């Protein structure tokens, strides 16, 4: 059974940088495309943040994070990262790592097969 464990969340100030990590276990990392989603404190749904293909050659970003966040993966450590730069209070949310085998689907929460438990990020103004 695939398991995902996020880490790196915390309290940061407006304009700071933060790197989230997600460690993958229980399967073959290279067979899974990976994504990050977030859910704001008052949000009803999880919003797409970023995703990366199985090989790492393709990356995808949500409109609100494009140009500020960078997703990457490290095969040797079975880990996917989310580098968050120039954060602002609107980035405050629980951040979730997710995995799926199909890279061709639209990046929606329902398209993901496995989820981590999330890590909280709070950006103070």
C-alpha atoms as a PDB file:
ATOM      1  CA  UNK A   1       0.000   0.000   0.000  1.00  0.00           C
ATOM      2  CA  UNK A   2       1.385   3.373  -1.022  1.00  0.00           C
ATOM      3  CA  UNK A   3       1.989   5.753   1.858  1.00  0.00           C
ATOM      4  CA  UNK A   4       2.776   9.447   1.619  1.00  0.00           C
ATOM      5  CA  UNK A   5       4.163  11.528   4.464  1.00  0.00           C
ATOM      6  CA  UNK A   6       4.458  15.300   4.188  1.00  0.00           C
ATOM      7  CA  UNK A   7       6.807  17.474   6.198  1.00  0.00           C
ATOM      8  CA  UNK A   8       8.195  21.002   6.240  1.00  0.00           C
ATOM      9  CA  UNK A   9       5.110  23.016   7.052  1.00  0.00           C
ATOM     10  CA  UNK A  10       5.058  25.729   9.680  1.00  0.00           C
ATOM     11  CA  UNK A  11       4.609  29.407  10.421  1.00  0.00           C
ATOM     12  CA  UNK A  12       6.354  31.861   8.104  1.00  0.00           C
ATOM     13  CA  UNK A  13       6.114  35.552   7.347  1.00  0.00           C
ATOM     14  CA  UNK A  14       4.812  37.267   4.244  1.00  0.00           C
ATOM     15  CA  UNK A  15       7.461  37.110   1.518  1.00  0.00           C
ATOM     16  CA  UNK A  16       9.386  34.202   3.029  1.00  0.00           C
ATOM     17  CA  UNK A  17      10.319  30.903   1.405  1.00  0.00           C
ATOM     18  CA  UNK A  18       9.466  27.398   2.534  1.00  0.00           C
ATOM     19  CA  UNK A  19      10.125  23.900   1.188  1.00  0.00           C
ATOM     20  CA  UNK A  20       7.702  21.054   1.684  1.00  0.00           C
ATOM     21  CA  UNK A  21       8.723  17.426   1.303  1.00  0.00           C
ATOM     22  CA  UNK A  22       6.683  14.306   0.650  1.00  0.00           C
ATOM     23  CA  UNK A  23       8.199  10.880   1.183  1.00  0.00           C
ATOM     24  CA  UNK A  24       6.743   7.984  -0.833  1.00  0.00           C
ATOM     25  CA  UNK A  25       6.792   4.357   0.294  1.00  0.00           C
ATOM     26  CA  UNK A  26       5.006   1.077  -0.353  1.00  0.00           C
ATOM     27  CA  UNK A  27       5.294   1.117  -4.128  1.00  0.00           C
ATOM     28  CA  UNK A  28       7.507   1.965  -7.086  1.00  0.00           C
ATOM     29  CA  UNK A  29       8.014   5.724  -6.992  1.00  0.00           C
ATOM     30  CA  UNK A  30       8.873   5.997 -10.675  1.00  0.00           C
ATOM     31  CA  UNK A  31       5.448   4.629 -11.664  1.00  0.00           C
ATOM     32  CA  UNK A  32       3.572   7.481  -9.998  1.00  0.00           C
ATOM     33  CA  UNK A  33       2.926  11.043 -10.989  1.00  0.00           C
ATOM     34  CA  UNK A  34       2.900  13.257  -7.918  1.00  0.00           C
ATOM     35  CA  UNK A  35       0.910  16.317  -6.995  1.00  0.00           C
ATOM     36  CA  UNK A  36       0.407  18.902  -4.291  1.00  0.00           C
ATOM     37  CA  UNK A  37      -2.989  20.225  -3.312  1.00  0.00           C
ATOM     38  CA  UNK A  38      -4.023  22.614  -0.574  1.00  0.00           C
ATOM     39  CA  UNK A  39      -7.098  23.318   1.466  1.00  0.00           C
ATOM     40  CA  UNK A  40      -7.558  26.720   3.061  1.00  0.00           C
ATOM     41  CA  UNK A  41      -8.972  26.970   6.613  1.00  0.00           C
ATOM     42  CA  UNK A  42     -12.329  28.072   5.263  1.00  0.00           C
ATOM     43  CA  UNK A  43     -12.072  26.124   2.012  1.00  0.00           C
ATOM     44  CA  UNK A  44     -14.536  23.444   1.077  1.00  0.00           C
ATOM     45  CA  UNK A  45     -12.376  21.782  -1.549  1.00  0.00           C
ATOM     46  CA  UNK A  46      -8.747  21.008  -2.086  1.00  0.00           C
ATOM     47  CA  UNK A  47      -7.200  23.233  -4.732  1.00  0.00           C
ATOM     48  CA  UNK A  48      -4.545  22.112  -7.192  1.00  0.00           C
ATOM     49  CA  UNK A  49      -1.105  23.563  -6.479  1.00  0.00           C
ATOM     50  CA  UNK A  50       1.415  21.692  -8.608  1.00  0.00           C
ATOM     51  CA  UNK A  51       2.166  18.313 -10.158  1.00  0.00           C
ATOM     52  CA  UNK A  52       5.042  16.476 -11.753  1.00  0.00           C
ATOM     53  CA  UNK A  53       5.105  13.601 -14.196  1.00  0.00           C
ATOM     54  CA  UNK A  54       6.536  10.170 -13.441  1.00  0.00           C
ATOM     55  CA  UNK A  55       9.831  10.982 -15.108  1.00  0.00           C
ATOM     56  CA  UNK A  56       9.992  14.498 -13.719  1.00  0.00           C
ATOM     57  CA  UNK A  57      10.232  15.975 -17.200  1.00  0.00           C
ATOM     58  CA  UNK A  58       6.829  17.671 -17.075  1.00  0.00           C
ATOM     59  CA  UNK A  59       5.489  20.010 -14.405  1.00  0.00           C
ATOM     60  CA  UNK A  60       2.106  21.634 -13.980  1.00  0.00           C
ATOM     61  CA  UNK A  61       0.985  24.528 -11.796  1.00  0.00           C
ATOM     62  CA  UNK A  62      -2.185  26.123 -10.571  1.00  0.00           C
ATOM     63  CA  UNK A  63      -2.814  29.719 -11.613  1.00  0.00           C
ATOM     64  CA  UNK A  64      -2.281  31.090  -8.109  1.00  0.00           C
ATOM     65  CA  UNK A  65       1.118  29.459  -7.625  1.00  0.00           C
ATOM     66  CA  UNK A  66       2.662  29.621 -11.086  1.00  0.00           C
ATOM     67  CA  UNK A  67       5.931  31.515 -11.025  1.00  0.00           C
ATOM     68  CA  UNK A  68       6.302  31.343  -7.236  1.00  0.00           C
ATOM     69  CA  UNK A  69       6.231  27.619  -6.456  1.00  0.00           C
ATOM     70  CA  UNK A  70       8.394  24.884  -7.952  1.00  0.00           C
ATOM     71  CA  UNK A  71       7.756  21.161  -7.795  1.00  0.00           C
ATOM     72  CA  UNK A  72      10.548  18.626  -8.161  1.00  0.00           C
ATOM     73  CA  UNK A  73      11.216  14.979  -7.403  1.00  0.00           C
ATOM     74  CA  UNK A  74      14.267  13.039  -6.277  1.00  0.00           C
ATOM     75  CA  UNK A  75      14.175   9.388  -7.285  1.00  0.00           C
ATOM     76  CA  UNK A  76      17.024   8.313  -5.022  1.00  0.00           C
ATOM     77  CA  UNK A  77      15.084   9.485  -1.966  1.00  0.00           C
ATOM     78  CA  UNK A  78      11.553   8.639  -3.163  1.00  0.00           C
ATOM     79  CA  UNK A  79      10.679  12.227  -2.375  1.00  0.00           C
ATOM     80  CA  UNK A  80       8.815  15.054  -4.045  1.00  0.00           C
ATOM     81  CA  UNK A  81       9.371  18.657  -3.046  1.00  0.00           C
ATOM     82  CA  UNK A  82       7.414  21.868  -3.229  1.00  0.00           C
ATOM     83  CA  UNK A  83       9.589  24.967  -3.079  1.00  0.00           C
ATOM     84  CA  UNK A  84       7.423  27.910  -2.084  1.00  0.00           C
ATOM     85  CA  UNK A  85       8.809  31.396  -2.667  1.00  0.00           C
ATOM     86  CA  UNK A  86       7.287  34.818  -2.005  1.00  0.00           C
ATOM     87  CA  UNK A  87       4.520  33.340   0.095  1.00  0.00           C
ATOM     88  CA  UNK A  88       1.603  35.512   1.146  1.00  0.00           C
ATOM     89  CA  UNK A  89      -1.299  35.078   3.596  1.00  0.00           C
ATOM     90  CA  UNK A  90      -3.467  33.618   0.819  1.00  0.00           C
ATOM     91  CA  UNK A  91      -1.094  30.638   0.767  1.00  0.00           C
ATOM     92  CA  UNK A  92      -2.170  29.700   4.286  1.00  0.00           C
ATOM     93  CA  UNK A  93      -3.591  26.173   4.064  1.00  0.00           C
ATOM     94  CA  UNK A  94      -3.071  22.526   4.791  1.00  0.00           C
ATOM     95  CA  UNK A  95      -0.874  21.144   2.025  1.00  0.00           C
ATOM     96  CA  UNK A  96      -1.429  17.589   0.823  1.00  0.00           C
ATOM     97  CA  UNK A  97       0.762  15.338  -1.251  1.00  0.00           C
ATOM     98  CA  UNK A  98      -0.974  12.938  -3.625  1.00  0.00           C
ATOM     99  CA  UNK A  99      -0.015  10.233  -6.104  1.00  0.00           C
ATOM    100  CA  UNK A 100      -1.508   8.506  -9.128  1.00  0.00           C
ATOM    101  CA  UNK A 101      -0.250   6.254 -11.896  1.00  0.00           C
ATOM    102  CA  UNK A 102      -1.934   8.042 -14.792  1.00  0.00           C
ATOM    103  CA  UNK A 103      -0.144  11.214 -15.904  1.00  0.00           C
ATOM    104  CA  UNK A 104      -2.665  12.134 -18.572  1.00  0.00           C
ATOM    105  CA  UNK A 105      -5.689  13.042 -16.492  1.00  0.00           C
ATOM    106  CA  UNK A 106      -6.610  16.538 -15.396  1.00  0.00           C
ATOM    107  CA  UNK A 107      -5.185  17.361 -12.003  1.00  0.00           C
ATOM    108  CA  UNK A 108      -8.211  17.198  -9.756  1.00  0.00           C
ATOM    109  CA  UNK A 109      -8.531  15.776  -6.237  1.00  0.00           C
ATOM    110  CA  UNK A 110     -10.786  12.980  -7.482  1.00  0.00           C
ATOM    111  CA  UNK A 111      -8.147  11.876 -10.009  1.00  0.00           C
ATOM    112  CA  UNK A 112      -5.576  11.067  -7.320  1.00  0.00           C
ATOM    113  CA  UNK A 113      -5.207   7.554  -5.928  1.00  0.00           C
ATOM    114  CA  UNK A 114      -3.298   8.106  -2.698  1.00  0.00           C
ATOM    115  CA  UNK A 115      -3.072  10.966  -0.217  1.00  0.00           C
ATOM    116  CA  UNK A 116      -0.884  12.006   2.663  1.00  0.00           C
ATOM    117  CA  UNK A 117      -2.317  13.433   5.861  1.00  0.00           C
ATOM    118  CA  UNK A 118      -1.162  16.948   5.118  1.00  0.00           C
ATOM    119  CA  UNK A 119       1.142  19.534   6.618  1.00  0.00           C
ATOM    120  CA  UNK A 120      -0.046  22.989   7.719  1.00  0.00           C
ATOM    121  CA  UNK A 121       1.406  26.214   6.365  1.00  0.00           C
ATOM    122  CA  UNK A 122       0.550  29.537   7.970  1.00  0.00           C
ATOM    123  CA  UNK A 123       1.734  32.809   6.469  1.00  0.00           C
ATOM    124  CA  UNK A 124       1.521  35.827   8.737  1.00  0.00           C
ATOM    125  CA  UNK A 125       1.110  39.309   7.304  1.00  0.00           C
END
